[in-house]
Amino acid sequence: METETSAIEQGIRAVAVGKKGSKNCPEEVAAQILEDLQQGKIDSVQKGAFFGALAIKGVESSEQRIADAVSLTDAEAFLDCVASDTPVEMRPLCQKLLGGKELSLSEAQQVGEFFFSDQPGDTARSLMATILRVRYANAEEYAGIYFAMRESFAKPFQESVPSGGSVALLSEPFDGVERSYLLTPLIAAWLGKSGYRVLNAVGESSGPKYGVTLMDLAEALDGSFLEGNVEFTGDHSVYGWYVDQAKLSPAVHRWVGIRKKLLKRPGLATLERFVNPVGADLFINSTFHPPFAEKSIEIAQQLGFRAIIVLCKGTEGTLGCALKRRATVYCAARDVDGEWQRMHFALSAGDFGIDIPDEPELEGVDVSKNASLIETYFKEGASGNAHFDGRAEYTLKVMAKALSWIDEQRAG
């Protein structure tokens, strides 16, 4: 039996989509939200999400009554009405974001410190996080929040890393897969054979999708979970190391609960994929839309990575390619003179002479089956599943082409 959607949830789903997808909140929904607000029935996080998105979207006639009731156009009065527990030092930054202005690097870091603190003010937290998501945070804002995130790492993850080979960070979306098998451990194993120490960032899904995650798969593979930086050596499973967000930073992990109430992915869903306690040099992630590939590169550059690979239009946003679709890969690397070089390419499975079998429609992913496919492919070079094997071969060849270009830039 489906749970009835509350008025505030309907409102968030309408106004908090993004720059291009947000819709006006129907007048009857806005009226119910106002009534619930006056009766103290609305969760503090969802208050911030709704009004932050409404402020950035712009108020239309169907929403005017609720906007007037909370003085939305007067940021100071609005905070008194809706988010009175906002810390004094954060009020000017809330007001700046409500006014549609961008934050400086230092201001973004201050916001990040507030995000990961134990101060009161979850309405203000969700309001600012929603504004940054709906209008798209810039690379400098992401960097400032990330620097605060880094300061929240547990003490064992702020220790020095043992010397060794180059380090690669692999980053899957945390909400998992529902219709295709994950390939990431095979990429990690391949990078290990190429001389890299590999860290896989994993964590609990905050939604709105709850598929099989890389953390689920790592546990099924009996993967090596990092307890602190001093462990980060070559002594790990063949699929690299894994770092669980809950261990890395309880303050960041607290946002899992907050984000479930936000209903929409905030910018933190992007930032959690850049967590880099071990000083990784190479960053590999994925996105579906090309503009976000460029944004990923900009953020990674701001955060100090020296080589970047972003797979665009892969399978369900994972690091695996889709056999029926051309993969577009964006690469960036610092050359021997310290200058950034960029390149992108698009290739299909057929370009590598890979047969394209019919793609099965999976009705849910079995994590044990996924682990078995990974282990068999790693040991024997084939799993017995033609579609999985084709995707694995295609993905590894695409990654090899990208890494070869990066190595050329570094060699000069």
Protein backbone atom coordinates (compact mmCIF):
# COMPACT_ATOMS: atom_id res chain seq x y z
CA MET A 1 0.00 0.00 0.00
CA GLU A 2 1.45 3.35 -1.07
CA THR A 3 1.96 6.06 1.54
CA GLU A 4 0.05 9.25 0.85
CA THR A 5 2.34 12.07 -0.28
CA SER A 6 2.19 15.11 1.99
CA ALA A 7 1.64 18.63 0.68
CA ILE A 8 5.22 19.67 1.46
CA GLU A 9 6.57 16.65 -0.45
CA GLN A 10 4.37 17.54 -3.43
CA GLY A 11 5.66 21.09 -3.21
CA ILE A 12 9.31 20.05 -3.12
CA ARG A 13 8.85 17.71 -6.09
CA ALA A 14 7.37 20.61 -8.07
CA VAL A 15 9.67 23.54 -7.26
CA ALA A 16 13.01 21.84 -6.51
CA VAL A 17 13.74 20.02 -9.77
CA GLY A 18 16.42 22.33 -11.13
CA LYS A 19 17.15 25.28 -13.41
CA LYS A 20 15.08 23.93 -16.27
CA GLY A 21 12.68 21.41 -14.77
CA SER A 22 11.06 23.17 -11.82
CA LYS A 23 7.32 23.76 -11.96
CA ASN A 24 4.98 26.05 -10.10
CA CYS A 25 3.43 24.72 -6.93
CA PRO A 26 -0.36 24.33 -7.43
CA GLU A 27 -2.36 26.86 -5.41
CA GLU A 28 -4.21 24.20 -3.41
CA VAL A 29 -0.92 22.52 -2.47
CA ALA A 30 0.64 25.85 -1.47
CA ALA A 31 -2.43 26.58 0.69
CA GLN A 32 -2.09 23.23 2.47
CA ILE A 33 1.63 23.80 3.02
CA LEU A 34 0.86 27.16 4.61
CA GLU A 35 -1.75 25.63 6.89
CA ASP A 36 0.65 22.84 7.92
CA LEU A 37 3.40 25.39 8.48
CA GLN A 38 1.21 27.51 10.75
CA GLN A 39 0.29 24.41 12.74
CA GLY A 40 3.93 23.34 13.11
CA LYS A 41 3.45 20.13 11.13
CA ILE A 42 6.29 20.52 8.64
CA ASP A 43 9.70 18.94 9.17
CA SER A 44 12.51 21.50 9.53
CA VAL A 45 14.56 20.01 6.69
CA GLN A 46 11.64 20.00 4.28
CA LYS A 47 10.82 23.61 5.14
CA GLY A 48 14.27 24.66 4.03
CA ALA A 49 14.14 22.57 0.87
CA PHE A 50 10.79 23.96 -0.26
CA PHE A 51 11.42 27.64 0.43
CA GLY A 52 15.02 27.58 -0.81
CA ALA A 53 13.86 26.16 -4.14
CA LEU A 54 10.90 28.53 -4.32
CA ALA A 55 13.12 31.55 -3.76
CA ILE A 56 15.48 30.56 -6.59
CA LYS A 57 12.73 29.46 -8.98
CA GLY A 58 10.81 32.67 -8.52
CA VAL A 59 7.34 33.13 -7.05
CA GLU A 60 4.35 32.83 -9.37
CA SER A 61 0.72 33.78 -8.71
CA SER A 62 -0.25 30.35 -7.33
CA GLU A 63 2.53 30.66 -4.75
CA GLN A 64 2.17 34.34 -3.85
CA ARG A 65 0.06 33.81 -0.75
CA ILE A 66 2.54 31.48 0.94
CA ALA A 67 5.50 33.65 -0.11
CA ASP A 68 3.86 36.71 1.44
CA ALA A 69 3.01 34.81 4.63
CA VAL A 70 6.67 34.04 5.30
CA SER A 71 8.11 37.31 3.90
CA LEU A 72 10.12 35.38 1.31
CA THR A 73 11.28 38.53 -0.49
CA ASP A 74 12.74 39.94 2.74
CA ALA A 75 15.53 37.51 3.59
CA GLU A 76 16.05 38.73 7.15
CA ALA A 77 12.34 38.62 8.02
CA PHE A 78 12.01 35.26 6.25
CA LEU A 79 14.74 33.68 8.40
CA ASP A 80 13.05 35.06 11.54
CA CYS A 81 9.79 33.45 10.42
CA VAL A 82 10.94 30.08 9.06
CA ALA A 83 14.49 29.43 10.32
CA SER A 84 14.84 31.34 13.56
CA ASP A 85 17.44 28.90 14.93
CA THR A 86 19.92 29.81 12.18
CA PRO A 87 23.26 30.68 13.84
CA VAL A 88 23.94 34.42 13.75
CA GLU A 89 27.13 34.05 11.71
CA MET A 90 25.30 32.06 9.02
CA ARG A 91 22.45 34.51 8.48
CA PRO A 92 24.35 36.79 6.05
CA LEU A 93 25.30 33.79 3.91
CA CYS A 94 21.72 32.49 3.92
CA GLN A 95 20.59 35.93 2.83
CA LYS A 96 23.21 36.06 0.10
CA LEU A 97 22.08 32.72 -1.32
CA LEU A 98 18.41 33.67 -1.07
CA GLY A 99 19.29 36.75 -3.12
CA GLY A 100 20.65 34.55 -5.92
CA LYS A 101 24.30 35.49 -5.39
CA GLU A 102 27.29 33.17 -5.59
CA LEU A 103 29.62 32.44 -2.69
CA SER A 104 33.35 33.02 -2.59
CA LEU A 105 35.66 30.11 -1.82
CA SER A 106 36.02 31.18 1.82
CA GLU A 107 32.27 31.74 2.19
CA ALA A 108 31.56 28.30 0.73
CA GLN A 109 33.99 26.76 3.19
CA GLN A 110 32.18 28.54 6.03
CA VAL A 111 28.89 27.11 4.77
CA GLY A 112 30.50 23.66 4.61
CA GLU A 113 31.74 23.95 8.18
CA PHE A 114 28.17 24.71 9.22
CA PHE A 115 26.84 21.78 7.17
CA PHE A 116 29.10 19.35 9.05
CA SER A 117 28.82 20.91 12.50
CA ASP A 118 26.54 19.95 15.39
CA GLN A 119 25.08 23.45 15.59
CA PRO A 120 21.29 23.84 15.37
CA GLY A 121 19.79 24.99 12.09
CA ASP A 122 18.75 22.10 9.83
CA THR A 123 16.23 24.37 8.09
CA ALA A 124 19.04 26.71 7.09
CA ARG A 125 21.26 23.76 6.09
CA SER A 126 18.65 22.29 3.78
CA LEU A 127 17.72 25.72 2.42
CA MET A 128 21.31 26.48 1.40
CA ALA A 129 21.98 22.98 0.07
CA THR A 130 18.82 23.15 -2.04
CA ILE A 131 19.62 26.59 -3.43
CA LEU A 132 23.10 25.42 -4.45
CA ARG A 133 21.61 22.38 -6.18
CA VAL A 134 18.74 24.10 -7.98
CA ARG A 135 20.85 26.91 -9.40
CA TYR A 136 23.96 24.69 -9.78
CA ALA A 137 26.89 25.40 -7.50
CA ASN A 138 30.03 26.54 -9.28
CA ALA A 139 33.39 24.76 -8.96
CA GLU A 140 34.67 27.25 -6.36
CA GLU A 141 31.60 26.71 -4.17
CA TYR A 142 32.00 22.95 -4.44
CA ALA A 143 35.68 23.28 -3.50
CA GLY A 144 34.96 25.40 -0.43
CA ILE A 145 32.39 22.92 0.87
CA TYR A 146 34.73 20.03 0.10
CA PHE A 147 37.57 21.62 2.09
CA ALA A 148 35.20 21.74 5.07
CA MET A 149 34.16 18.15 4.37
CA ARG A 150 37.82 17.13 4.42
CA GLU A 151 38.27 18.70 7.84
CA SER A 152 35.43 16.50 9.10
CA PHE A 153 37.29 13.26 8.26
CA ALA A 154 37.81 11.01 11.28
CA LYS A 155 41.31 11.22 12.77
CA PRO A 156 42.57 7.90 11.30
CA PHE A 157 41.84 9.32 7.83
CA GLN A 158 43.88 12.46 8.47
CA GLU A 159 47.10 10.52 9.10
CA SER A 160 49.91 10.32 6.53
CA VAL A 161 49.65 7.68 3.81
CA PRO A 162 52.51 5.16 3.44
CA SER A 163 54.71 5.82 0.42
CA GLY A 164 54.09 3.70 -2.64
CA GLY A 165 52.80 3.82 -6.18
CA SER A 166 50.39 6.31 -7.73
CA VAL A 167 46.88 6.38 -6.31
CA ALA A 168 43.57 6.25 -8.19
CA LEU A 169 40.16 7.12 -6.74
CA LEU A 170 37.19 5.29 -8.30
CA SER A 171 33.83 6.81 -7.59
CA GLU A 172 30.42 5.25 -8.31
CA PRO A 173 27.11 6.99 -7.55
CA PHE A 174 26.02 5.82 -4.10
CA ASP A 175 22.42 5.02 -5.08
CA GLY A 176 23.39 1.85 -6.91
CA VAL A 177 22.08 -0.06 -9.91
CA GLU A 178 18.75 -1.72 -10.60
CA ARG A 179 19.03 -3.04 -14.17
CA SER A 180 22.70 -3.83 -14.84
CA TYR A 181 25.68 -5.44 -13.13
CA LEU A 182 28.48 -3.33 -11.65
CA LEU A 183 31.95 -3.64 -13.21
CA THR A 184 33.95 -1.31 -10.92
CA PRO A 185 35.96 -4.02 -9.10
CA LEU A 186 37.33 -5.16 -12.47
CA ILE A 187 38.44 -1.60 -13.25
CA ALA A 188 40.12 -1.47 -9.83
CA ALA A 189 41.88 -4.79 -10.48
CA TRP A 190 43.06 -3.60 -13.90
CA LEU A 191 44.42 -0.36 -12.39
CA GLY A 192 46.19 -2.42 -9.73
CA LYS A 193 47.96 -4.40 -12.44
CA SER A 194 48.90 -1.05 -14.02
CA GLY A 195 50.76 -0.02 -10.87
CA TYR A 196 48.10 1.99 -9.05
CA ARG A 197 46.93 1.72 -5.49
CA VAL A 198 43.15 2.03 -5.77
CA LEU A 199 40.61 3.51 -3.38
CA ASN A 200 36.88 3.02 -4.02
CA ALA A 201 34.57 5.54 -2.35
CA VAL A 202 31.38 3.84 -1.09
CA GLY A 203 28.46 4.66 1.15
CA GLU A 204 24.81 4.16 1.98
CA SER A 205 22.30 5.40 -0.59
CA SER A 206 20.46 8.59 0.27
CA GLY A 207 17.95 7.95 -2.50
CA PRO A 208 15.86 8.60 -4.42
CA LYS A 209 17.07 5.30 -5.92
CA TYR A 210 18.01 2.32 -3.75
CA GLY A 211 19.68 -0.25 -5.97
CA VAL A 212 22.63 -2.57 -5.36
CA THR A 213 25.59 -0.36 -4.46
CA LEU A 214 29.31 -0.76 -4.83
CA MET A 215 29.45 -1.11 -1.05
CA ASP A 216 27.05 -4.09 -1.27
CA LEU A 217 29.25 -5.65 -3.94
CA ALA A 218 32.47 -4.98 -2.00
CA GLU A 219 31.03 -6.78 1.02
CA ALA A 220 29.98 -9.72 -1.17
CA LEU A 221 33.52 -9.88 -2.58
CA ASP A 222 35.04 -9.73 0.90
CA GLY A 223 36.75 -6.49 -0.11
CA SER A 224 39.35 -4.64 1.97
CA PHE A 225 37.69 -1.79 3.88
CA LEU A 226 40.07 0.93 4.99
CA GLU A 227 40.04 1.78 8.71
CA GLY A 228 42.63 4.53 8.42
CA ASN A 229 45.29 5.93 6.10
CA VAL A 230 48.17 4.00 7.66
CA GLU A 231 46.65 0.80 6.20
CA PHE A 232 46.72 2.14 2.65
CA THR A 233 49.42 -0.11 1.22
CA GLY A 234 49.55 -2.77 -1.46
CA ASP A 235 48.27 -5.33 1.04
CA HIS A 236 44.63 -5.47 0.02
CA SER A 237 42.19 -7.50 -2.03
CA VAL A 238 42.74 -7.65 -5.80
CA TYR A 239 39.88 -5.17 -6.15
CA GLY A 240 41.62 -2.38 -4.24
CA TRP A 241 40.64 -0.68 -1.01
CA TYR A 242 37.16 0.60 -0.08
CA VAL A 243 36.38 3.52 2.23
CA ASP A 244 32.94 3.66 3.83
CA GLN A 245 31.59 7.19 4.18
CA ALA A 246 30.14 6.35 7.62
CA LYS A 247 33.64 5.52 8.90
CA LEU A 248 35.38 8.30 7.00
CA SER A 249 33.17 11.10 8.32
CA PRO A 250 30.16 10.59 10.62
CA ALA A 251 29.35 14.29 10.07
CA VAL A 252 29.03 13.77 6.33
CA HIS A 253 27.17 10.51 6.82
CA ARG A 254 24.55 12.36 8.93
CA TRP A 255 23.43 13.92 5.66
CA VAL A 256 22.10 10.54 4.49
CA GLY A 257 19.09 11.09 6.77
CA ILE A 258 18.78 14.76 5.83
CA ARG A 259 18.92 14.01 2.12
CA LYS A 260 16.16 11.41 2.32
CA LYS A 261 13.90 14.22 3.53
CA LEU A 262 15.11 16.59 0.81
CA LEU A 263 13.76 14.14 -1.81
CA LYS A 264 16.13 15.60 -4.42
CA ARG A 265 19.88 15.03 -4.66
CA PRO A 266 21.74 18.09 -3.34
CA GLY A 267 25.24 19.08 -4.41
CA LEU A 268 26.62 16.91 -1.63
CA ALA A 269 25.67 13.90 -3.75
CA THR A 270 28.30 15.15 -6.17
CA LEU A 271 30.91 16.05 -3.56
CA GLU A 272 30.81 12.73 -1.69
CA ARG A 273 32.24 11.12 -4.79
CA PHE A 274 35.40 13.24 -4.54
CA VAL A 275 36.39 12.15 -1.02
CA ASN A 276 40.15 11.73 -1.13
CA PRO A 277 41.74 10.96 2.24
CA VAL A 278 44.73 9.21 0.64
CA GLY A 279 45.91 11.90 -1.77
CA ALA A 280 44.81 10.19 -4.98
CA ASP A 281 46.37 11.58 -8.13
CA LEU A 282 43.94 10.05 -10.67
CA PHE A 283 40.18 10.54 -10.34
CA ILE A 284 37.71 8.40 -12.29
CA ASN A 285 33.96 8.94 -12.17
CA SER A 286 30.90 8.99 -14.40
CA THR A 287 27.94 11.12 -15.32
CA PHE A 288 25.15 10.82 -17.84
CA HIS A 289 24.89 14.41 -19.12
CA PRO A 290 27.90 16.02 -20.88
CA PRO A 291 27.65 19.37 -19.00
CA PHE A 292 28.16 17.48 -15.73
CA ALA A 293 31.27 15.82 -17.18
CA GLU A 294 32.77 19.27 -17.64
CA LYS A 295 31.64 20.24 -14.12
CA SER A 296 33.26 17.11 -12.70
CA ILE A 297 36.57 18.02 -14.34
CA GLU A 298 36.39 21.59 -13.03
CA ILE A 299 35.71 20.39 -9.49
CA ALA A 300 38.46 17.76 -9.63
CA GLN A 301 40.93 20.39 -10.81
CA GLN A 302 39.93 22.67 -7.92
CA LEU A 303 40.45 19.81 -5.47
CA GLY A 304 44.00 19.03 -6.54
CA PHE A 305 43.72 15.92 -8.71
CA ARG A 306 46.30 15.84 -11.50
CA ALA A 307 44.57 13.43 -13.88
CA ILE A 308 40.85 12.94 -14.49
CA ILE A 309 38.70 10.48 -16.46
CA VAL A 310 34.95 11.00 -16.69
CA LEU A 311 32.77 8.42 -18.45
CA CYS A 312 29.66 9.98 -19.94
CA LYS A 313 26.51 8.06 -20.89
CA GLY A 314 27.60 4.76 -19.42
CA THR A 315 25.25 2.20 -17.90
CA GLU A 316 22.95 3.72 -15.25
CA GLY A 317 25.57 6.34 -14.49
CA THR A 318 28.11 3.69 -13.40
CA LEU A 319 31.73 3.38 -14.47
CA GLY A 320 30.69 0.64 -16.91
CA CYS A 321 29.99 1.21 -20.61
CA ALA A 322 26.70 0.24 -22.25
CA LEU A 323 27.05 -2.11 -25.23
CA LYS A 324 24.25 -0.49 -27.21
CA ARG A 325 25.49 3.07 -26.76
CA ARG A 326 28.66 4.91 -27.71
CA ALA A 327 30.75 5.89 -24.72
CA THR A 328 31.99 9.46 -24.53
CA VAL A 329 35.00 9.93 -22.28
CA TYR A 330 36.38 13.25 -21.07
CA CYS A 331 40.00 13.37 -19.93
CA ALA A 332 42.19 16.02 -18.34
CA ALA A 333 45.78 15.86 -17.13
CA ARG A 334 48.62 18.14 -16.09
CA ASP A 335 51.52 17.86 -18.51
CA VAL A 336 55.23 17.98 -17.66
CA ASP A 337 55.07 21.78 -17.51
CA GLY A 338 52.14 21.73 -15.06
CA GLU A 339 49.67 22.93 -17.69
CA TRP A 340 46.24 21.32 -18.02
CA GLN A 341 45.56 19.42 -21.22
CA ARG A 342 42.11 18.13 -22.20
CA MET A 343 40.78 15.56 -24.61
CA HIS A 344 37.57 13.66 -25.22
CA PHE A 345 36.66 10.78 -27.47
CA ALA A 346 33.62 8.67 -28.34
CA LEU A 347 33.82 4.98 -29.15
CA SER A 348 31.38 2.12 -29.56
CA ALA A 349 31.85 -1.54 -28.66
CA GLY A 350 31.99 -2.28 -32.38
CA ASP A 351 35.06 -0.05 -32.72
CA PHE A 352 36.92 -2.65 -30.66
CA GLY A 353 35.48 -5.57 -32.64
CA ILE A 354 33.28 -6.61 -29.73
CA ASP A 355 30.13 -8.50 -30.64
CA ILE A 356 27.02 -6.89 -29.25
CA PRO A 357 24.66 -9.54 -27.85
CA ASP A 358 21.06 -8.74 -27.04
CA GLU A 359 20.93 -6.72 -23.85
CA PRO A 360 18.91 -8.52 -21.15
CA GLU A 361 16.29 -6.68 -19.13
CA LEU A 362 17.21 -7.34 -15.53
CA GLU A 363 14.41 -7.08 -13.00
CA GLY A 364 16.61 -6.17 -10.09
CA VAL A 365 20.28 -6.98 -9.57
CA ASP A 366 21.34 -9.99 -7.50
CA VAL A 367 24.49 -8.91 -5.64
CA SER A 368 25.69 -12.51 -5.18
CA LYS A 369 25.37 -13.12 -8.92
CA ASN A 370 27.21 -9.86 -9.63
CA ALA A 371 30.04 -10.91 -7.30
CA SER A 372 30.26 -14.33 -8.95
CA LEU A 373 30.49 -12.76 -12.42
CA ILE A 374 33.27 -10.44 -11.23
CA GLU A 375 35.30 -13.23 -9.63
CA THR A 376 34.97 -15.61 -12.58
CA TYR A 377 35.87 -12.93 -15.12
CA PHE A 378 38.91 -11.88 -13.06
CA LYS A 379 40.21 -15.43 -12.73
CA GLU A 380 39.38 -16.77 -16.20
CA GLY A 381 38.98 -13.74 -18.46
CA ALA A 382 35.33 -14.61 -19.10
CA SER A 383 32.31 -15.13 -16.89
CA GLY A 384 30.13 -17.19 -19.20
CA ASN A 385 27.65 -14.30 -19.48
CA ALA A 386 28.16 -12.86 -22.96
CA HIS A 387 26.62 -9.50 -22.18
CA PHE A 388 28.64 -9.02 -18.98
CA ASP A 389 31.85 -10.10 -20.72
CA GLY A 390 31.25 -7.72 -23.64
CA ARG A 391 30.62 -4.80 -21.30
CA ALA A 392 33.71 -5.63 -19.24
CA GLU A 393 35.97 -5.88 -22.29
CA TYR A 394 34.54 -2.68 -23.79
CA THR A 395 34.87 -0.75 -20.52
CA LEU A 396 38.45 -1.82 -19.84
CA LYS A 397 39.53 -0.95 -23.38
CA VAL A 398 37.92 2.49 -23.11
CA MET A 399 39.67 3.06 -19.77
CA ALA A 400 42.97 1.88 -21.26
CA LYS A 401 42.68 4.40 -24.09
CA ALA A 402 41.98 7.21 -21.63
CA LEU A 403 44.86 6.24 -19.33
CA SER A 404 47.24 5.93 -22.29
CA TRP A 405 46.47 9.53 -23.27
CA ILE A 406 47.05 10.67 -19.67
CA ASP A 407 50.40 8.86 -19.53
CA GLU A 408 51.44 10.59 -22.78
CA GLN A 409 50.74 14.01 -21.27
CA ARG A 410 52.76 13.20 -18.20
CA ALA A 411 55.67 11.84 -20.24
CA GLY A 412 55.79 14.95 -22.41
